Amino acid sequence: MNKIKKLIAIMSIFFIATNSALASSIDAIIKKSEIDKTSTIAVSVKDVKTGRTVYQYNEQKLMNPASAQKIFTMKAAYNELGKDYTYKTAAYMDNNNNLYIKLSGDPSLTTESLKNLFEEVNAKYKKQIKDIIIDPSIIDNKQWGIGWMWDDDTNTYLPKYSPFSINENKIDIVIEPGKNGKMPYISNKSNYSMMLVNLLKNGNENAIFFERNPWQSADMTYVKGTIKTTVKYQLPVNSTERYFKTELSKAISSSKLKYTGAIKVAPIPQNAKKIAEINSKNLSEIVGYTLKNSNNFYSEMIFKTAAASYTKKQGSTEDAIKMFNKYYADVKANSPTIVDACGISRNDIISADWMTTALNKIYKDKDFDDFVTLLPKPMEGTLSDRLLDISLKVRAKTGTASGISSIAGYIDTKSGKKYSFAIMVQNFDKPVIDIKKFEDNIIREIYNL
């Protein structure tokens, strides 16, 4: 018995010494950076197996997580839907020869995949089709998150999301400088009509920005700045339903499907029969794409469709948050407040302590080995140029917004330990690259344990 007590005592001394060394080294990194003089830094590191706190600094402060939040919202959705879940966009016929398209909230739906659906309809249904009717009832039609910024309306990373979603609700435009004293030229490569107000000037650099003023006219997109060389942009559409119908018509025409009526919107009647269906990739691939590329549009669509599965009714962000809260109900840390899936809202507030506690919960799930591979590792996605020297040891999700930087995930240390970690920096005025380097220095220090 005395030997066991001695062993426990030795282990405790070693643990305390290790923690003390890490605390001193990370404290030194923070002090040297001087970031905390004007900004807020929060750090939490825990052992995933024991739950022991390895390091903490402002770990209880509620801060904006930015896209690091996606780990937690996507895991709740993944838990609800299952890794093999696929989005099924289906075609039905009623007794009056009307064709219904049942939307599924598939974030990966494209014009080409709709064309494939109509080609299948053509092959299986030989009668004359009257109306083509869209059923968008899978999720609600709220198209932006609470607390999102109005001036992000033209941000290519924040397109509107709705049941009427296709091609990520973005169109391609090309902008060319004017020749021989003429003004620059903007060409819309989509069939979707958008009023682009050209206020560009020829200049010595490409400094182009887009603006919508909804209090004046939601239909106008102002293109301002200067242009030197030809550039391509992806621009979010201003009406998801109108864009969807435009692309639907294009897919119908490409598939050579014939109909005599109109395109309408209505629920599918009970007597309608399914005649064709297209499936997305499985959820594992879709969530992996979402996390590795920090895709805001995908995350919001997945979150809402998971809510539809959870409640067995039309999906909404509000119900998705209930699903989220239920999944993390046993996390013993101060509860977060979230209002969206992607973490872009300033209304989202989470502590670093909650993040690492939640990461430890995820670690104990039976599907952890599958889910953790969906997080980016260095050389992938948003970690493509970070921590390359320890690329096989880290799986983490970054977050970046104006004055906000974060990273959270898992690390395997030199000594063979596996830790969860969360680092958040907020209200900084330094270049983002400097903040990312600061985070990486802390992560390397954790790895060296």
Protein backbone atom coordinates (compact mmCIF):
# COMPACT_ATOMS: atom_id res chain seq x y z
CA MET A 1 0.00 0.00 0.00
CA ASN A 2 2.87 2.34 0.86
CA LYS A 3 4.41 1.67 -2.57
CA ILE A 4 1.16 2.71 -4.26
CA LYS A 5 1.00 5.90 -2.20
CA LYS A 6 4.61 6.69 -3.09
CA LEU A 7 3.90 6.10 -6.78
CA ILE A 8 0.86 8.38 -6.65
CA ALA A 9 2.91 11.03 -4.85
CA ILE A 10 5.71 10.81 -7.44
CA MET A 11 3.21 11.06 -10.27
CA SER A 12 1.54 14.06 -8.62
CA ILE A 13 4.89 15.80 -8.19
CA PHE A 14 5.73 15.11 -11.86
CA PHE A 15 2.33 16.43 -12.98
CA ILE A 16 2.68 19.59 -10.92
CA ALA A 17 6.22 20.14 -12.18
CA THR A 18 5.13 19.63 -15.79
CA ASN A 19 2.20 21.99 -15.37
CA SER A 20 4.41 24.57 -13.71
CA ALA A 21 6.94 24.42 -16.55
CA LEU A 22 4.23 24.81 -19.19
CA ALA A 23 2.58 27.63 -17.25
CA SER A 24 5.87 29.52 -17.01
CA SER A 25 6.66 29.08 -20.69
CA ILE A 26 3.22 30.11 -21.95
CA ASP A 27 3.08 33.00 -19.50
CA ALA A 28 6.42 34.12 -20.95
CA ILE A 29 5.04 33.94 -24.51
CA ILE A 30 2.04 36.05 -23.51
CA LYS A 31 4.17 38.59 -21.64
CA LYS A 32 6.70 38.89 -24.47
CA SER A 33 3.98 39.42 -27.09
CA GLU A 34 2.49 42.37 -25.14
CA ILE A 35 -0.82 41.56 -26.86
CA ASP A 36 -2.65 41.40 -23.54
CA LYS A 37 -1.83 45.04 -22.80
CA THR A 38 -4.61 46.19 -25.12
CA SER A 39 -6.40 42.96 -26.03
CA THR A 40 -7.98 40.00 -24.29
CA ILE A 41 -6.33 36.59 -24.44
CA ALA A 42 -7.89 33.36 -23.20
CA VAL A 43 -6.19 29.96 -23.17
CA SER A 44 -7.27 26.56 -21.89
CA VAL A 45 -5.43 23.24 -22.17
CA LYS A 46 -6.78 19.96 -20.77
CA ASP A 47 -5.85 16.30 -20.77
CA VAL A 48 -8.52 14.59 -22.89
CA LYS A 49 -8.42 11.34 -20.91
CA THR A 50 -8.41 12.66 -17.35
CA GLY A 51 -9.98 16.07 -17.85
CA ARG A 52 -7.21 17.64 -15.79
CA THR A 53 -6.43 21.26 -16.51
CA VAL A 54 -2.89 21.56 -17.86
CA TYR A 55 -2.88 25.33 -18.39
CA GLN A 56 -5.38 28.16 -18.16
CA TYR A 57 -5.38 31.90 -18.64
CA ASN A 58 -8.60 33.96 -18.58
CA GLU A 59 -10.28 30.63 -19.26
CA GLN A 60 -13.66 31.74 -17.87
CA LYS A 61 -13.95 34.94 -19.90
CA LEU A 62 -16.77 34.87 -22.44
CA MET A 63 -15.39 35.81 -25.84
CA ASN A 64 -16.31 35.70 -29.52
CA PRO A 65 -15.10 32.37 -30.95
CA ALA A 66 -15.45 33.18 -34.68
CA SER A 67 -15.25 30.04 -36.83
CA ALA A 68 -13.71 27.86 -34.11
CA GLN A 69 -17.37 27.52 -33.04
CA LYS A 70 -17.96 25.30 -36.10
CA ILE A 71 -16.31 22.36 -34.33
CA PHE A 72 -19.12 22.30 -31.82
CA THR A 73 -22.13 23.10 -33.99
CA MET A 74 -21.04 20.63 -36.67
CA LYS A 75 -20.43 17.90 -34.08
CA ALA A 76 -23.96 18.37 -32.72
CA ALA A 77 -25.34 18.09 -36.27
CA TYR A 78 -23.07 15.13 -37.04
CA ASN A 79 -24.32 13.41 -33.89
CA GLU A 80 -27.95 13.98 -34.93
CA LEU A 81 -27.73 13.00 -38.61
CA GLY A 82 -24.98 10.38 -38.60
CA LYS A 83 -21.86 10.17 -40.74
CA ASP A 84 -23.60 8.27 -43.58
CA TYR A 85 -26.49 10.72 -43.93
CA THR A 86 -27.04 12.05 -47.44
CA TYR A 87 -29.18 14.93 -48.68
CA LYS A 88 -31.87 13.64 -51.02
CA THR A 89 -33.39 16.04 -53.54
CA ALA A 90 -36.36 14.24 -55.03
CA ALA A 91 -38.92 14.57 -57.83
CA TYR A 92 -42.55 13.60 -57.33
CA MET A 93 -45.58 13.46 -59.65
CA ASP A 94 -49.16 14.09 -58.54
CA ASN A 95 -52.33 12.79 -60.15
CA ASN A 96 -52.60 15.87 -62.38
CA ASN A 97 -49.15 15.43 -64.00
CA ASN A 98 -47.54 18.18 -61.97
CA LEU A 99 -43.87 17.69 -61.13
CA TYR A 100 -42.81 18.51 -57.55
CA ILE A 101 -39.23 19.11 -56.51
CA LYS A 102 -38.73 18.36 -52.82
CA LEU A 103 -35.72 20.35 -51.60
CA SER A 104 -33.57 18.83 -48.86
CA GLY A 105 -31.45 21.76 -47.67
CA ASP A 106 -28.44 20.28 -49.47
CA PRO A 107 -25.61 22.85 -49.24
CA SER A 108 -23.79 21.14 -52.11
CA LEU A 109 -26.69 21.28 -54.61
CA THR A 110 -25.63 22.61 -58.02
CA THR A 111 -27.28 23.39 -61.33
CA GLU A 112 -25.57 20.31 -62.78
CA SER A 113 -27.01 18.01 -60.12
CA LEU A 114 -30.50 19.42 -60.75
CA LYS A 115 -29.97 18.70 -64.44
CA ASN A 116 -29.19 15.09 -63.52
CA LEU A 117 -32.44 14.89 -61.57
CA PHE A 118 -34.47 16.15 -64.55
CA GLU A 119 -32.73 13.75 -66.91
CA GLU A 120 -33.81 10.92 -64.63
CA VAL A 121 -37.38 12.29 -64.67
CA ASN A 122 -37.24 12.39 -68.47
CA ALA A 123 -36.15 8.78 -68.59
CA LYS A 124 -38.84 7.52 -66.23
CA TYR A 125 -41.90 9.70 -66.89
CA LYS A 126 -43.33 9.81 -70.40
CA LYS A 127 -46.52 11.84 -69.88
CA GLN A 128 -46.84 15.56 -70.53
CA ILE A 129 -45.80 17.54 -67.44
CA LYS A 130 -47.89 20.55 -66.48
CA ASP A 131 -46.50 22.73 -63.66
CA ILE A 132 -43.14 22.34 -61.96
CA ILE A 133 -43.62 23.02 -58.26
CA ILE A 134 -40.90 23.57 -55.66
CA ASP A 135 -41.43 22.38 -52.08
CA PRO A 136 -38.98 24.34 -49.85
CA SER A 137 -40.50 23.30 -46.52
CA ILE A 138 -37.45 21.43 -45.18
CA ILE A 139 -36.04 24.55 -43.46
CA ASP A 140 -37.28 28.06 -42.80
CA ASN A 141 -36.51 31.00 -45.07
CA LYS A 142 -34.52 33.15 -42.64
CA GLN A 143 -31.49 33.95 -44.75
CA TRP A 144 -28.99 35.51 -42.38
CA GLY A 145 -27.91 35.00 -38.80
CA ILE A 146 -28.74 37.17 -35.81
CA GLY A 147 -26.09 39.83 -35.33
CA TRP A 148 -24.61 39.51 -38.81
CA MET A 149 -23.34 42.78 -40.25
CA TRP A 150 -25.37 44.48 -42.98
CA ASP A 151 -22.22 45.50 -44.82
CA ASP A 152 -21.29 41.81 -45.25
CA ASP A 153 -24.19 41.46 -47.69
CA THR A 154 -21.68 41.31 -50.58
CA ASN A 155 -19.07 39.26 -48.70
CA THR A 156 -18.35 36.13 -50.75
CA TYR A 157 -17.80 34.19 -47.50
CA LEU A 158 -21.28 35.05 -46.19
CA PRO A 159 -23.88 34.35 -48.88
CA LYS A 160 -27.51 34.21 -47.86
CA TYR A 161 -28.79 30.73 -47.06
CA SER A 162 -32.32 29.39 -47.47
CA PRO A 163 -34.19 26.31 -48.70
CA PHE A 164 -33.80 27.89 -52.16
CA SER A 165 -30.05 27.31 -52.28
CA ILE A 166 -27.92 26.31 -55.24
CA ASN A 167 -24.28 26.87 -56.23
CA GLU A 168 -23.77 28.29 -52.71
CA ASN A 169 -25.96 31.22 -53.80
CA LYS A 170 -23.11 32.96 -55.59
CA ILE A 171 -22.58 34.07 -59.18
CA ASP A 172 -19.38 34.63 -61.14
CA ILE A 173 -18.57 38.06 -62.51
CA VAL A 174 -15.58 39.28 -64.48
CA ILE A 175 -14.29 42.86 -64.30
CA GLU A 176 -12.01 44.25 -66.99
CA PRO A 177 -10.21 47.59 -67.12
CA GLY A 178 -11.38 50.06 -69.72
CA LYS A 179 -9.29 50.48 -72.85
CA ASN A 180 -8.56 53.68 -74.73
CA GLY A 181 -10.00 55.86 -72.02
CA LYS A 182 -13.23 53.90 -71.66
CA MET A 183 -14.65 52.99 -68.25
CA PRO A 184 -14.10 49.50 -66.78
CA TYR A 185 -16.44 46.72 -67.92
CA ILE A 186 -18.37 44.29 -65.69
CA SER A 187 -19.78 41.06 -67.14
CA ASN A 188 -22.19 38.79 -65.27
CA LYS A 189 -21.45 35.17 -66.26
CA SER A 190 -24.74 33.91 -64.84
CA ASN A 191 -28.28 33.85 -66.23
CA TYR A 192 -29.30 35.53 -62.99
CA SER A 193 -30.04 39.20 -63.52
CA MET A 194 -28.45 41.49 -60.97
CA MET A 195 -28.33 45.28 -61.17
CA LEU A 196 -24.62 46.16 -60.94
CA VAL A 197 -23.98 49.88 -60.67
CA ASN A 198 -20.53 50.45 -62.17
CA LEU A 199 -18.67 53.19 -60.27
CA LEU A 200 -15.22 51.79 -61.02
CA LYS A 201 -12.28 53.77 -62.34
CA ASN A 202 -9.15 52.66 -64.15
CA GLY A 203 -6.20 52.85 -61.76
CA ASN A 204 -2.78 51.62 -60.76
CA GLU A 205 -4.08 48.74 -58.61
CA ASN A 206 -6.99 46.36 -58.21
CA ALA A 207 -8.83 47.81 -55.23
CA ILE A 208 -12.43 46.77 -55.83
CA PHE A 209 -15.25 46.57 -53.33
CA PHE A 210 -18.98 45.92 -53.48
CA GLU A 211 -21.76 47.57 -51.54
CA ARG A 212 -25.52 47.20 -51.12
CA ASN A 213 -27.63 49.82 -49.39
CA PRO A 214 -30.82 47.98 -48.38
CA TRP A 215 -32.38 51.19 -47.03
CA GLN A 216 -32.26 52.56 -50.58
CA SER A 217 -32.63 49.56 -52.86
CA ALA A 218 -31.89 45.90 -52.13
CA ASP A 219 -31.71 45.23 -55.87
CA MET A 220 -28.68 47.44 -56.54
CA THR A 221 -25.09 46.33 -56.02
CA TYR A 222 -22.58 49.15 -56.28
CA VAL A 223 -19.12 48.26 -57.61
CA LYS A 224 -16.53 50.82 -56.50
CA GLY A 225 -12.79 51.38 -56.46
CA THR A 226 -10.07 51.03 -59.07
CA ILE A 227 -9.01 48.30 -61.48
CA LYS A 228 -5.73 47.64 -63.24
CA THR A 229 -6.02 44.04 -64.56
CA THR A 230 -8.88 41.66 -65.35
CA VAL A 231 -10.22 39.92 -62.23
CA LYS A 232 -12.89 37.34 -61.41
CA TYR A 233 -15.15 37.52 -58.38
CA GLN A 234 -17.85 35.43 -56.78
CA LEU A 235 -20.68 37.66 -55.65
CA PRO A 236 -23.53 36.55 -53.36
CA VAL A 237 -26.97 36.88 -54.92
CA ASN A 238 -29.47 39.28 -53.39
CA SER A 239 -32.53 37.00 -53.86
CA THR A 240 -32.03 33.29 -53.20
CA GLU A 241 -35.48 32.28 -54.48
CA ARG A 242 -35.15 34.20 -57.74
CA TYR A 243 -31.66 32.80 -58.26
CA PHE A 244 -32.84 29.26 -57.57
CA LYS A 245 -35.66 29.58 -60.10
CA THR A 246 -33.22 30.96 -62.68
CA GLU A 247 -30.90 27.99 -62.24
CA LEU A 248 -33.85 25.60 -62.11
CA SER A 249 -34.97 26.86 -65.51
CA LYS A 250 -31.43 26.43 -66.82
CA ALA A 251 -31.30 22.83 -65.55
CA ILE A 252 -34.71 22.08 -67.08
CA SER A 253 -33.61 23.44 -70.45
CA SER A 254 -30.27 21.57 -70.36
CA SER A 255 -32.02 18.30 -69.56
CA LYS A 256 -34.55 18.88 -72.39
CA LEU A 257 -37.41 18.35 -69.95
CA LYS A 258 -40.70 19.70 -71.36
CA TYR A 259 -43.56 21.21 -69.38
CA THR A 260 -46.61 23.28 -70.35
CA GLY A 261 -47.34 25.21 -67.15
CA ALA A 262 -45.37 27.46 -64.81
CA ILE A 263 -42.81 27.21 -62.03
CA LYS A 264 -44.55 27.53 -58.66
CA VAL A 265 -43.93 27.02 -54.95
CA ALA A 266 -46.16 24.73 -52.84
CA PRO A 267 -46.01 21.70 -50.51
CA ILE A 268 -46.08 18.23 -52.02
CA PRO A 269 -49.56 16.64 -51.81
CA GLN A 270 -49.90 13.33 -49.97
CA ASN A 271 -50.87 11.43 -53.13
CA ALA A 272 -47.70 12.38 -55.02
CA LYS A 273 -45.31 9.56 -55.94
CA LYS A 274 -41.54 9.74 -55.99
CA ILE A 275 -40.09 9.06 -59.45
CA ALA A 276 -36.49 10.27 -59.20
CA GLU A 277 -33.90 11.27 -56.63
CA ILE A 278 -30.35 12.56 -56.44
CA ASN A 279 -28.12 12.16 -53.40
CA SER A 280 -25.32 14.28 -52.06
CA LYS A 281 -22.03 12.93 -50.78
CA ASN A 282 -22.27 11.51 -47.27
CA LEU A 283 -22.28 13.84 -44.29
CA SER A 284 -18.72 12.98 -43.29
CA GLU A 285 -17.39 14.40 -46.56
CA ILE A 286 -19.66 17.44 -46.39
CA VAL A 287 -18.76 18.26 -42.77
CA GLY A 288 -15.09 17.67 -43.55
CA TYR A 289 -15.31 20.17 -46.41
CA THR A 290 -17.11 22.61 -44.11
CA LEU A 291 -14.54 22.45 -41.33
CA LYS A 292 -11.41 22.36 -43.46
CA ASN A 293 -12.53 25.31 -45.59
CA SER A 294 -14.44 27.10 -42.82
CA ASN A 295 -17.48 27.33 -45.07
CA ASN A 296 -20.10 29.51 -43.37
CA PHE A 297 -22.85 28.73 -45.88
CA TYR A 298 -22.44 24.97 -45.49
CA SER A 299 -22.41 25.17 -41.70
CA GLU A 300 -25.68 27.12 -41.51
CA MET A 301 -27.44 24.76 -43.94
CA ILE A 302 -26.22 21.65 -42.11
CA PHE A 303 -27.23 23.08 -38.72
CA LYS A 304 -30.77 23.82 -39.88
CA THR A 305 -31.30 20.49 -41.61
CA ALA A 306 -30.06 18.70 -38.49
CA ALA A 307 -32.71 20.67 -36.58
CA ALA A 308 -35.35 19.35 -38.99
CA SER A 309 -34.25 15.81 -38.13
CA TYR A 310 -34.16 16.63 -34.42
CA THR A 311 -37.65 18.14 -34.23
CA LYS A 312 -39.31 16.23 -37.11
CA LYS A 313 -40.57 19.55 -38.45
CA GLN A 314 -39.28 22.48 -40.48
CA GLY A 315 -35.68 23.17 -39.51
CA SER A 316 -34.71 26.46 -37.90
CA THR A 317 -31.62 27.88 -36.22
CA GLU A 318 -33.61 28.24 -33.00
CA ASP A 319 -34.32 24.49 -32.92
CA ALA A 320 -30.75 23.72 -33.97
CA ILE A 321 -29.57 25.62 -30.89
CA LYS A 322 -31.87 23.48 -28.73
CA MET A 323 -30.29 20.39 -30.31
CA PHE A 324 -26.84 21.88 -29.61
CA ASN A 325 -27.69 22.61 -25.97
CA LYS A 326 -29.01 19.09 -25.44
CA TYR A 327 -25.90 17.48 -26.89
CA TYR A 328 -23.60 19.56 -24.65
CA ALA A 329 -25.90 19.48 -21.59
CA ASP A 330 -23.42 17.38 -19.59
CA VAL A 331 -20.48 19.72 -20.23
CA LYS A 332 -19.61 21.04 -16.77
CA ALA A 333 -18.50 24.56 -17.63
CA ASN A 334 -20.14 27.96 -17.94
CA SER A 335 -22.59 27.59 -20.81
CA PRO A 336 -22.04 29.41 -24.11
CA THR A 337 -24.52 31.58 -25.93
CA ILE A 338 -24.73 30.91 -29.65
CA VAL A 339 -27.07 32.35 -32.27
CA ASP A 340 -25.71 30.80 -35.46
CA ALA A 341 -23.72 27.80 -36.66
CA CYS A 342 -20.63 29.45 -38.08
CA GLY A 343 -19.65 31.76 -35.21
CA ILE A 344 -19.57 34.96 -37.26
CA SER A 345 -22.11 36.78 -35.06
CA ARG A 346 -20.78 39.00 -32.29
CA ASN A 347 -23.68 37.62 -30.22
CA ASP A 348 -21.86 34.26 -29.98
CA ILE A 349 -19.93 34.10 -26.70
CA ILE A 350 -17.98 31.09 -25.41
CA SER A 351 -15.22 30.57 -22.85
CA ALA A 352 -11.98 28.75 -23.56
CA ASP A 353 -12.75 26.52 -20.56
CA TRP A 354 -16.07 25.45 -22.10
CA MET A 355 -14.36 24.73 -25.41
CA THR A 356 -11.79 22.35 -23.95
CA THR A 357 -14.39 20.67 -21.74
CA ALA A 358 -16.62 20.19 -24.79
CA LEU A 359 -13.66 18.90 -26.82
CA ASN A 360 -13.08 16.33 -24.07
CA LYS A 361 -16.71 15.28 -24.31
CA ILE A 362 -16.34 14.84 -28.08
CA TYR A 363 -13.19 12.78 -27.48
CA LYS A 364 -15.20 10.30 -25.40
CA ASP A 365 -17.82 9.78 -28.13
CA LYS A 366 -17.66 6.46 -29.97
CA ASP A 367 -17.34 8.25 -33.33
CA PHE A 368 -14.41 10.43 -32.24
CA ASP A 369 -11.87 8.70 -34.48
CA ASP A 370 -14.08 9.41 -37.50
CA PHE A 371 -14.99 12.97 -36.54
CA VAL A 372 -11.50 14.17 -35.61
CA THR A 373 -10.23 13.42 -39.13
CA LEU A 374 -12.75 15.97 -40.43
CA LEU A 375 -10.89 18.74 -38.61
CA PRO A 376 -8.07 20.32 -40.62
CA LYS A 377 -4.51 19.39 -39.90
CA PRO A 378 -1.57 21.59 -40.90
CA MET A 379 -1.25 21.55 -44.71
CA GLU A 380 -5.07 21.46 -45.05
CA GLY A 381 -7.65 24.20 -45.48
CA THR A 382 -7.29 27.08 -43.07
CA LEU A 383 -4.18 25.44 -41.56
CA SER A 384 -2.47 25.04 -44.92
CA ASP A 385 0.43 27.32 -43.99
CA ARG A 386 0.56 26.90 -40.23
CA LEU A 387 2.34 24.52 -37.83
CA LEU A 388 3.83 22.54 -40.70
CA ASP A 389 6.64 21.25 -38.44
CA ILE A 390 4.09 19.33 -36.33
CA SER A 391 1.58 18.58 -39.07
CA LEU A 392 0.85 15.03 -37.91
CA LYS A 393 0.24 16.06 -34.32
CA VAL A 394 -2.54 18.65 -34.59
CA ARG A 395 -6.21 18.66 -35.59
CA ALA A 396 -7.80 22.06 -35.07
CA LYS A 397 -10.27 24.64 -36.29
CA THR A 398 -9.32 28.27 -36.72
CA GLY A 399 -11.48 31.36 -36.46
CA THR A 400 -10.90 34.84 -37.86
CA ALA A 401 -13.01 37.98 -37.89
CA SER A 402 -12.32 41.68 -37.47
CA GLY A 403 -10.30 41.97 -34.25
CA ILE A 404 -10.91 38.29 -33.44
CA SER A 405 -8.68 35.23 -33.81
CA SER A 406 -9.15 31.77 -32.35
CA ILE A 407 -8.03 28.18 -32.68
CA ALA A 408 -9.23 25.06 -30.89
CA GLY A 409 -8.68 21.34 -31.25
CA TYR A 410 -6.43 18.46 -30.25
CA ILE A 411 -2.69 17.93 -30.05
CA ASP A 412 -0.50 14.89 -29.43
CA THR A 413 2.53 15.95 -27.43
CA LYS A 414 6.13 14.74 -27.60
CA SER A 415 5.62 12.84 -24.36
CA GLY A 416 2.66 10.91 -25.78
CA LYS A 417 -0.16 12.87 -24.12
CA LYS A 418 -3.25 14.02 -25.99
CA TYR A 419 -4.56 17.43 -25.00
CA SER A 420 -7.51 19.56 -25.99
CA PHE A 421 -6.74 23.23 -26.35
CA ALA A 422 -8.49 26.52 -27.07
CA ILE A 423 -6.88 29.90 -27.68
CA MET A 424 -8.87 33.09 -28.27
CA VAL A 425 -7.59 36.62 -28.84
CA GLN A 426 -10.02 39.52 -29.09
CA ASN A 427 -9.96 43.26 -29.74
CA PHE A 428 -6.44 43.37 -31.14
CA ASP A 429 -5.05 46.07 -33.42
CA LYS A 430 -2.04 44.15 -34.71
CA PRO A 431 -1.90 42.41 -38.11
CA VAL A 432 -3.79 39.09 -38.05
CA ILE A 433 -0.67 37.22 -39.15
CA ASP A 434 1.08 38.33 -35.94
CA ILE A 435 -1.78 36.97 -33.83
CA LYS A 436 -1.69 33.65 -35.69
CA LYS A 437 2.05 33.38 -35.04
CA PHE A 438 1.40 34.07 -31.36
CA GLU A 439 -1.16 31.24 -31.26
CA ASP A 440 1.25 28.91 -33.05
CA ASN A 441 3.99 29.66 -30.52
CA ILE A 442 1.66 28.57 -27.70
CA ILE A 443 0.65 25.42 -29.58
CA ARG A 444 4.29 24.46 -30.17
CA GLU A 445 4.98 24.98 -26.48
CA ILE A 446 2.14 22.58 -25.64
CA TYR A 447 3.51 20.06 -28.15
CA ASN A 448 6.95 20.11 -26.53
CA LEU A 449 5.61 18.78 -23.24
